[in-house]
């Protein structure tokens, strides 16, 4: 056991770091297995050497954020603690201050985990990016944020959001209503992310002008998509031929982001997921990047991470019981 201390310069900023009734310090101490005490501007950390060093680094980095005017919230402290637990050398400021430049949007969006930061950087630096991992890790939301940002900067002239309609076998004619009514149930999550970033009336105008297009995957065949930011969501439910068809739509000055969760495949048993095959075939091609997310990157309700972990453990037990583990 070791005990180390740091002294902060500004009393009011120290209080922001501590959180209401010291809640932020409680979170850090609990997650890192150390004891943190504050007396005035002096913080003392006691615990094993690794936990103590991580806690001190985290406190210094979070205090630096507060000094820069960052509005530190409880979720930020939780995310930051998780980040340094994974990589003690990580820069919290580099991650949390990486704003995605949605200047006329409704909120400021930044990465909240190491994988999210890698993902955002991969989208900036590659023309095709695959984001693979469980629900709640921000795969689709961050892709949408990057698309909106690119549109507002005039880096692309349109956004195209695509989803497979697996439950209807993409035979949309059997569903009641016009095309929009047929596909809306499948595309609603994409609309939700979009409305979270831009005013409702502006989204409506962009949709009317075709600057933003939302469509089922079946309607992509035969098209060439130039100067576009294309997002394929729920890609685990594409067949191998559908994935090939989608990826070969990419035109000049375009980007494509493909998101999916390979533990949630709804295809028939005899069909291989196009997302899994793409991972095998395309990983070594320059200009294509793959980013893996885990339950540690979940940014929804804290229970979501525990739910994912419970299902993962159950799957391991099933495989072991079947002689596969």
Protein backbone atom coordinates (compact mmCIF):
# COMPACT_ATOMS: atom_id res chain seq x y z
CA UNK A 1 0.00 0.00 0.00
CA UNK A 2 1.21 3.50 -0.85
CA UNK A 3 -0.11 6.97 -0.06
CA UNK A 4 0.42 9.96 -2.35
CA UNK A 5 -0.97 13.48 -2.44
CA UNK A 6 -1.53 16.33 -4.85
CA UNK A 7 -2.46 19.92 -4.08
CA UNK A 8 -4.73 21.92 -6.37
CA UNK A 9 -4.32 25.66 -6.88
CA UNK A 10 -7.90 26.91 -7.25
CA UNK A 11 -10.47 26.15 -4.57
CA UNK A 12 -13.58 26.62 -6.75
CA UNK A 13 -12.18 24.43 -9.53
CA UNK A 14 -11.20 21.84 -6.96
CA UNK A 15 -14.84 21.68 -5.86
CA UNK A 16 -15.91 21.13 -9.49
CA UNK A 17 -13.44 18.26 -9.68
CA UNK A 18 -14.70 16.72 -6.44
CA UNK A 19 -18.34 16.85 -7.53
CA UNK A 20 -21.36 17.36 -5.31
CA UNK A 21 -20.58 16.00 -1.84
CA UNK A 22 -17.38 14.46 -3.25
CA UNK A 23 -19.28 12.13 -5.57
CA UNK A 24 -16.64 12.24 -8.31
CA UNK A 25 -13.92 11.17 -5.88
CA UNK A 26 -16.12 8.32 -4.65
CA UNK A 27 -16.55 7.05 -8.21
CA UNK A 28 -12.81 7.12 -8.93
CA UNK A 29 -11.96 5.45 -5.63
CA UNK A 30 -14.56 2.72 -6.09
CA UNK A 31 -13.62 1.89 -9.68
CA UNK A 32 -9.87 1.88 -9.04
CA UNK A 33 -9.96 0.24 -5.62
CA UNK A 34 -8.26 3.10 -3.82
CA UNK A 35 -9.20 5.43 -0.96
CA UNK A 36 -9.37 9.14 -1.81
CA UNK A 37 -9.62 11.86 0.82
CA UNK A 38 -9.82 15.60 0.25
CA UNK A 39 -9.08 18.30 2.79
CA UNK A 40 -9.33 21.74 1.28
CA UNK A 41 -7.27 21.67 -1.91
CA UNK A 42 -5.18 18.67 -0.80
CA UNK A 43 -6.12 15.24 -2.18
CA UNK A 44 -4.62 12.09 -0.67
CA UNK A 45 -4.83 8.73 -2.44
CA UNK A 46 -4.09 5.41 -0.70
CA UNK A 47 -4.01 2.01 -2.37
CA UNK A 48 -1.83 -0.34 -4.38
CA UNK A 49 0.87 1.29 -6.47
CA UNK A 50 -0.83 0.91 -9.87
CA UNK A 51 -4.26 2.06 -8.68
CA UNK A 52 -2.77 5.03 -6.86
CA UNK A 53 -0.76 6.16 -9.89
CA UNK A 54 -3.78 5.87 -12.20
CA UNK A 55 -5.96 7.80 -9.73
CA UNK A 56 -3.41 10.62 -9.42
CA UNK A 57 -3.02 10.85 -13.21
CA UNK A 58 -6.80 10.90 -13.61
CA UNK A 59 -7.26 13.63 -11.00
CA UNK A 60 -4.60 15.79 -12.62
CA UNK A 61 -6.12 15.33 -16.09
CA UNK A 62 -9.67 16.02 -14.94
CA UNK A 63 -8.55 19.11 -13.04
CA UNK A 64 -6.83 20.34 -16.20
CA UNK A 65 -10.12 19.90 -18.09
CA UNK A 66 -11.96 21.91 -15.43
CA UNK A 67 -9.33 24.65 -15.73
CA UNK A 68 -10.09 24.83 -19.46
CA UNK A 69 -13.77 25.38 -18.70
CA UNK A 70 -14.94 21.83 -19.40
CA UNK A 71 -18.30 21.20 -17.62
CA UNK A 72 -17.33 18.00 -15.80
CA UNK A 73 -20.24 15.63 -15.19
CA UNK A 74 -20.53 12.35 -13.30
CA UNK A 75 -20.68 10.34 -16.55
CA UNK A 76 -17.47 12.03 -17.71
CA UNK A 77 -15.72 10.87 -14.54
CA UNK A 78 -16.99 7.32 -15.08
CA UNK A 79 -15.87 7.29 -18.72
CA UNK A 80 -12.47 8.82 -17.90
CA UNK A 81 -11.84 6.27 -15.15
CA UNK A 82 -12.64 3.46 -17.57
CA UNK A 83 -10.32 4.91 -20.19
CA UNK A 84 -7.30 5.15 -17.89
CA UNK A 85 -8.05 1.69 -16.48
CA UNK A 86 -7.66 0.36 -20.03
CA UNK A 87 -4.70 2.56 -20.96
CA UNK A 88 -2.94 4.48 -18.16
CA UNK A 89 -1.04 6.50 -20.77
CA UNK A 90 -4.19 7.81 -22.47
CA UNK A 91 -4.88 11.53 -22.74
CA UNK A 92 -8.35 12.34 -21.43
CA UNK A 93 -8.23 15.85 -22.89
CA UNK A 94 -7.35 14.54 -26.35
CA UNK A 95 -10.45 12.35 -26.25
CA UNK A 96 -12.98 14.56 -24.46
CA UNK A 97 -12.04 17.76 -26.31
CA UNK A 98 -12.27 16.16 -29.78
CA UNK A 99 -15.45 17.98 -30.78
CA UNK A 100 -17.04 16.80 -34.00
CA UNK A 101 -17.73 20.30 -35.35
CA UNK A 102 -21.50 20.22 -35.63
CA UNK A 103 -21.54 24.00 -35.37
CA UNK A 104 -25.23 24.53 -36.04
CA UNK A 105 -26.30 21.38 -34.25
CA UNK A 106 -28.15 21.03 -30.98
CA UNK A 107 -25.29 19.70 -28.87
CA UNK A 108 -21.53 19.15 -28.66
CA UNK A 109 -20.54 15.58 -29.42
CA UNK A 110 -17.20 14.07 -28.39
CA UNK A 111 -15.79 10.54 -28.00
CA UNK A 112 -16.25 8.98 -24.57
CA UNK A 113 -13.92 5.96 -24.76
CA UNK A 114 -10.66 4.86 -26.37
CA UNK A 115 -12.51 2.83 -29.00
CA UNK A 116 -14.75 5.79 -29.82
CA UNK A 117 -11.67 7.99 -30.30
CA UNK A 118 -10.04 5.37 -32.55
CA UNK A 119 -13.32 5.12 -34.49
CA UNK A 120 -13.62 8.88 -35.06
CA UNK A 121 -9.98 9.09 -36.17
CA UNK A 122 -10.46 6.07 -38.45
CA UNK A 123 -13.41 7.78 -40.15
CA UNK A 124 -11.33 10.91 -40.66
CA UNK A 125 -8.44 8.99 -42.19
CA UNK A 126 -10.11 6.21 -44.23
CA UNK A 127 -12.78 6.01 -46.93
CA UNK A 128 -14.40 2.84 -45.57
CA UNK A 129 -14.68 2.10 -41.85
CA UNK A 130 -16.30 -0.84 -40.07
CA UNK A 131 -17.47 -0.31 -36.49
CA UNK A 132 -18.26 -3.66 -34.88
CA UNK A 133 -19.50 -4.21 -31.34
CA UNK A 134 -22.47 -4.42 -28.98
CA UNK A 135 -25.43 -2.08 -28.69
CA UNK A 136 -24.95 1.20 -26.89
CA UNK A 137 -21.32 1.79 -27.86
CA UNK A 138 -22.04 4.80 -30.09
CA UNK A 139 -21.22 3.16 -33.43
CA UNK A 140 -24.16 4.56 -35.37
CA UNK A 141 -24.47 7.78 -33.39
CA UNK A 142 -20.84 8.82 -33.94
CA UNK A 143 -21.01 7.84 -37.61
CA UNK A 144 -24.05 10.08 -37.96
CA UNK A 145 -22.25 12.90 -36.14
CA UNK A 146 -19.28 12.60 -38.51
CA UNK A 147 -21.65 12.58 -41.49
CA UNK A 148 -23.50 15.70 -40.33
CA UNK A 149 -20.19 17.43 -39.61
CA UNK A 150 -18.91 16.58 -43.11
CA UNK A 151 -22.13 17.89 -44.67
CA UNK A 152 -22.01 21.17 -42.73
CA UNK A 153 -18.37 21.68 -43.82
CA UNK A 154 -19.38 20.94 -47.45
CA UNK A 155 -16.96 18.02 -47.56
CA UNK A 156 -19.82 15.95 -48.99
CA UNK A 157 -23.01 16.99 -50.78
CA UNK A 158 -25.35 14.44 -49.22
CA UNK A 159 -25.83 11.86 -46.49
CA UNK A 160 -27.27 8.44 -47.30
CA UNK A 161 -28.40 6.19 -44.45
CA UNK A 162 -29.07 2.54 -45.22
CA UNK A 163 -30.39 -0.45 -43.29
CA UNK A 164 -31.29 -4.01 -44.29
CA UNK A 165 -34.94 -4.87 -43.71
CA UNK A 166 -34.33 -8.44 -42.67
CA UNK A 167 -37.62 -9.17 -40.95
CA UNK A 168 -39.52 -8.55 -44.21
CA UNK A 169 -36.93 -10.33 -46.30
CA UNK A 170 -36.65 -6.98 -48.10
CA UNK A 171 -39.88 -7.92 -49.92
CA UNK A 172 -41.39 -4.60 -48.96
CA UNK A 173 -44.37 -4.95 -51.26
CA UNK A 174 -46.03 -7.24 -48.73
CA UNK A 175 -46.15 -4.41 -46.19
CA UNK A 176 -49.05 -1.91 -46.15
CA UNK A 177 -48.64 1.75 -47.13
CA UNK A 178 -46.35 3.70 -49.41
CA UNK A 179 -42.54 3.29 -49.52
CA UNK A 180 -41.92 5.64 -46.60
CA UNK A 181 -44.47 3.85 -44.42
CA UNK A 182 -43.02 0.46 -45.36
CA UNK A 183 -39.40 1.23 -44.46
CA UNK A 184 -39.78 3.67 -41.56
CA UNK A 185 -39.94 0.99 -38.84
CA UNK A 186 -36.50 -0.25 -39.94
CA UNK A 187 -34.93 3.19 -40.31
CA UNK A 188 -36.34 4.88 -37.19
CA UNK A 189 -33.06 4.63 -35.19
CA UNK A 190 -31.23 6.54 -37.94
CA UNK A 191 -33.84 9.29 -37.90
CA UNK A 192 -33.60 9.48 -34.11
CA UNK A 193 -29.85 10.11 -34.23
CA UNK A 194 -30.30 12.70 -36.96
CA UNK A 195 -32.96 14.65 -35.08
CA UNK A 196 -30.70 14.66 -32.03
CA UNK A 197 -28.08 16.64 -33.98
CA UNK A 198 -30.02 19.04 -36.18
CA UNK A 199 -33.23 21.04 -35.70
CA UNK A 200 -36.36 19.17 -36.75
CA UNK A 201 -37.38 21.65 -39.45
CA UNK A 202 -33.90 21.68 -40.98
CA UNK A 203 -33.85 17.89 -41.18
CA UNK A 204 -37.23 18.05 -42.93
CA UNK A 205 -35.93 20.48 -45.54
CA UNK A 206 -32.79 18.40 -46.16
CA UNK A 207 -34.89 15.27 -46.59
CA UNK A 208 -37.24 17.02 -49.01
CA UNK A 209 -34.30 18.21 -51.14
CA UNK A 210 -32.67 14.77 -51.13
CA UNK A 211 -29.58 16.07 -49.34
CA UNK A 212 -30.31 13.47 -46.68
CA UNK A 213 -31.67 10.17 -47.88
CA UNK A 214 -32.82 7.22 -45.81
CA UNK A 215 -33.44 3.96 -47.65
CA UNK A 216 -33.50 0.18 -47.31
CA UNK A 217 -30.41 -1.64 -48.57
CA UNK A 218 -32.34 -3.24 -51.43
CA UNK A 219 -32.70 0.19 -53.07
CA UNK A 220 -28.91 0.69 -53.38
CA UNK A 221 -28.43 -1.78 -56.23
CA UNK A 222 -27.23 -0.21 -59.47
CA UNK A 223 -26.35 3.19 -57.95
CA UNK A 224 -23.00 4.99 -57.84
CA UNK A 225 -22.72 7.28 -54.82
CA UNK A 226 -20.43 10.26 -55.43
CA UNK A 227 -19.65 13.03 -52.90
CA UNK A 228 -21.67 11.21 -50.27
CA UNK A 229 -21.30 10.05 -46.69
CA UNK A 230 -22.99 6.66 -46.55
CA UNK A 231 -23.87 4.80 -43.36
CA UNK A 232 -24.88 1.14 -43.43
CA UNK A 233 -26.41 0.28 -40.05
CA UNK A 234 -27.20 -3.20 -38.65
CA UNK A 235 -24.77 -4.64 -41.20
CA UNK A 236 -24.65 -8.01 -39.41
CA UNK A 237 -27.97 -8.66 -41.15
CA UNK A 238 -26.59 -8.28 -44.67
CA UNK A 239 -25.87 -11.34 -46.76
CA UNK A 240 -22.45 -11.66 -48.39
CA UNK A 241 -23.84 -10.58 -51.76
CA UNK A 242 -25.59 -7.57 -50.23
CA UNK A 243 -22.40 -6.44 -48.50
CA UNK A 244 -20.43 -6.71 -51.74
CA UNK A 245 -23.17 -4.79 -53.57
CA UNK A 246 -23.14 -2.02 -50.95
CA UNK A 247 -19.36 -1.59 -50.80
CA UNK A 248 -19.08 -1.39 -54.57
CA UNK A 249 -21.54 1.57 -54.68
CA UNK A 250 -18.83 3.90 -53.33
CA UNK A 251 -18.04 6.71 -55.76
CA UNK A 252 -15.59 9.62 -55.90
CA UNK A 253 -15.12 11.82 -52.80
CA UNK A 254 -17.29 9.52 -50.72
CA UNK A 255 -16.99 7.79 -47.37
CA UNK A 256 -18.80 4.72 -46.09
CA UNK A 257 -19.22 3.65 -42.47
CA UNK A 258 -20.54 0.16 -41.79
CA UNK A 259 -21.82 -0.65 -38.30
CA UNK A 260 -23.05 -3.87 -36.77
CA UNK A 261 -23.07 -6.34 -33.90
CA UNK A 262 -22.07 -9.87 -34.89
CA UNK A 263 -23.74 -11.28 -31.76
CA UNK A 264 -27.16 -10.08 -33.01
CA UNK A 265 -27.47 -11.73 -36.44
CA UNK A 266 -31.07 -12.27 -37.58
CA UNK A 267 -30.33 -14.04 -40.87
CA UNK A 268 -31.51 -17.56 -41.57
CA UNK A 269 -29.14 -20.22 -40.24
CA UNK A 270 -27.77 -21.19 -43.65
CA UNK A 271 -26.76 -17.60 -44.52
CA UNK A 272 -23.39 -16.15 -43.56
CA UNK A 273 -23.33 -12.55 -42.40
CA UNK A 274 -21.77 -10.21 -44.94
CA UNK A 275 -20.21 -8.31 -42.04
CA UNK A 276 -18.29 -11.36 -40.84
CA UNK A 277 -17.07 -12.19 -44.34
CA UNK A 278 -15.98 -8.58 -44.91
CA UNK A 279 -13.84 -8.82 -41.77
CA UNK A 280 -12.04 -11.82 -43.23
CA UNK A 281 -11.56 -10.46 -46.74
CA UNK A 282 -10.89 -6.74 -46.35
CA UNK A 283 -8.79 -6.20 -43.22
CA UNK A 284 -5.50 -5.90 -45.08
CA UNK A 285 -6.69 -3.40 -47.72
CA UNK A 286 -5.29 0.14 -47.27
CA UNK A 287 -8.02 2.74 -46.86
CA UNK A 288 -10.32 0.32 -45.05
CA UNK A 289 -10.31 0.31 -41.23
CA UNK A 290 -11.96 -1.94 -38.67
CA UNK A 291 -12.68 -0.73 -35.13
CA UNK A 292 -13.85 -3.17 -32.45
CA UNK A 293 -16.04 -2.04 -29.57
CA UNK A 294 -16.67 -3.94 -26.34
CA UNK A 295 -18.99 -3.66 -23.36
CA UNK A 296 -16.43 -1.27 -21.83
CA UNK A 297 -17.43 1.27 -24.50
CA UNK A 298 -21.16 1.25 -23.71
CA UNK A 299 -22.37 4.83 -23.20
CA UNK A 300 -26.04 4.14 -22.53
CA UNK A 301 -27.56 3.42 -19.14
CA UNK A 302 -25.00 1.67 -16.86
CA UNK A 303 -27.25 -1.40 -16.76
CA UNK A 304 -26.71 -1.96 -20.50
CA UNK A 305 -23.06 -2.92 -19.87
CA UNK A 306 -24.12 -5.42 -17.20
CA UNK A 307 -26.80 -6.88 -19.47
CA UNK A 308 -24.26 -7.40 -22.27
CA UNK A 309 -21.86 -9.05 -19.83
CA UNK A 310 -24.59 -11.39 -18.55
CA UNK A 311 -25.42 -12.54 -22.07
CA UNK A 312 -21.73 -13.00 -22.92
CA UNK A 313 -21.26 -15.20 -19.87
CA UNK A 314 -24.37 -17.22 -20.71
CA UNK A 315 -23.09 -17.77 -24.25
CA UNK A 316 -19.75 -19.00 -22.89
CA UNK A 317 -21.55 -21.46 -20.62
CA UNK A 318 -23.64 -22.74 -23.54
CA UNK A 319 -20.54 -23.28 -25.68
CA UNK A 320 -18.79 -25.05 -22.83
CA UNK A 321 -21.83 -27.26 -22.28
CA UNK A 322 -21.87 -28.15 -25.99
CA UNK A 323 -18.20 -29.10 -25.88
CA UNK A 324 -17.11 -26.02 -27.87
CA UNK A 325 -15.41 -24.15 -25.06
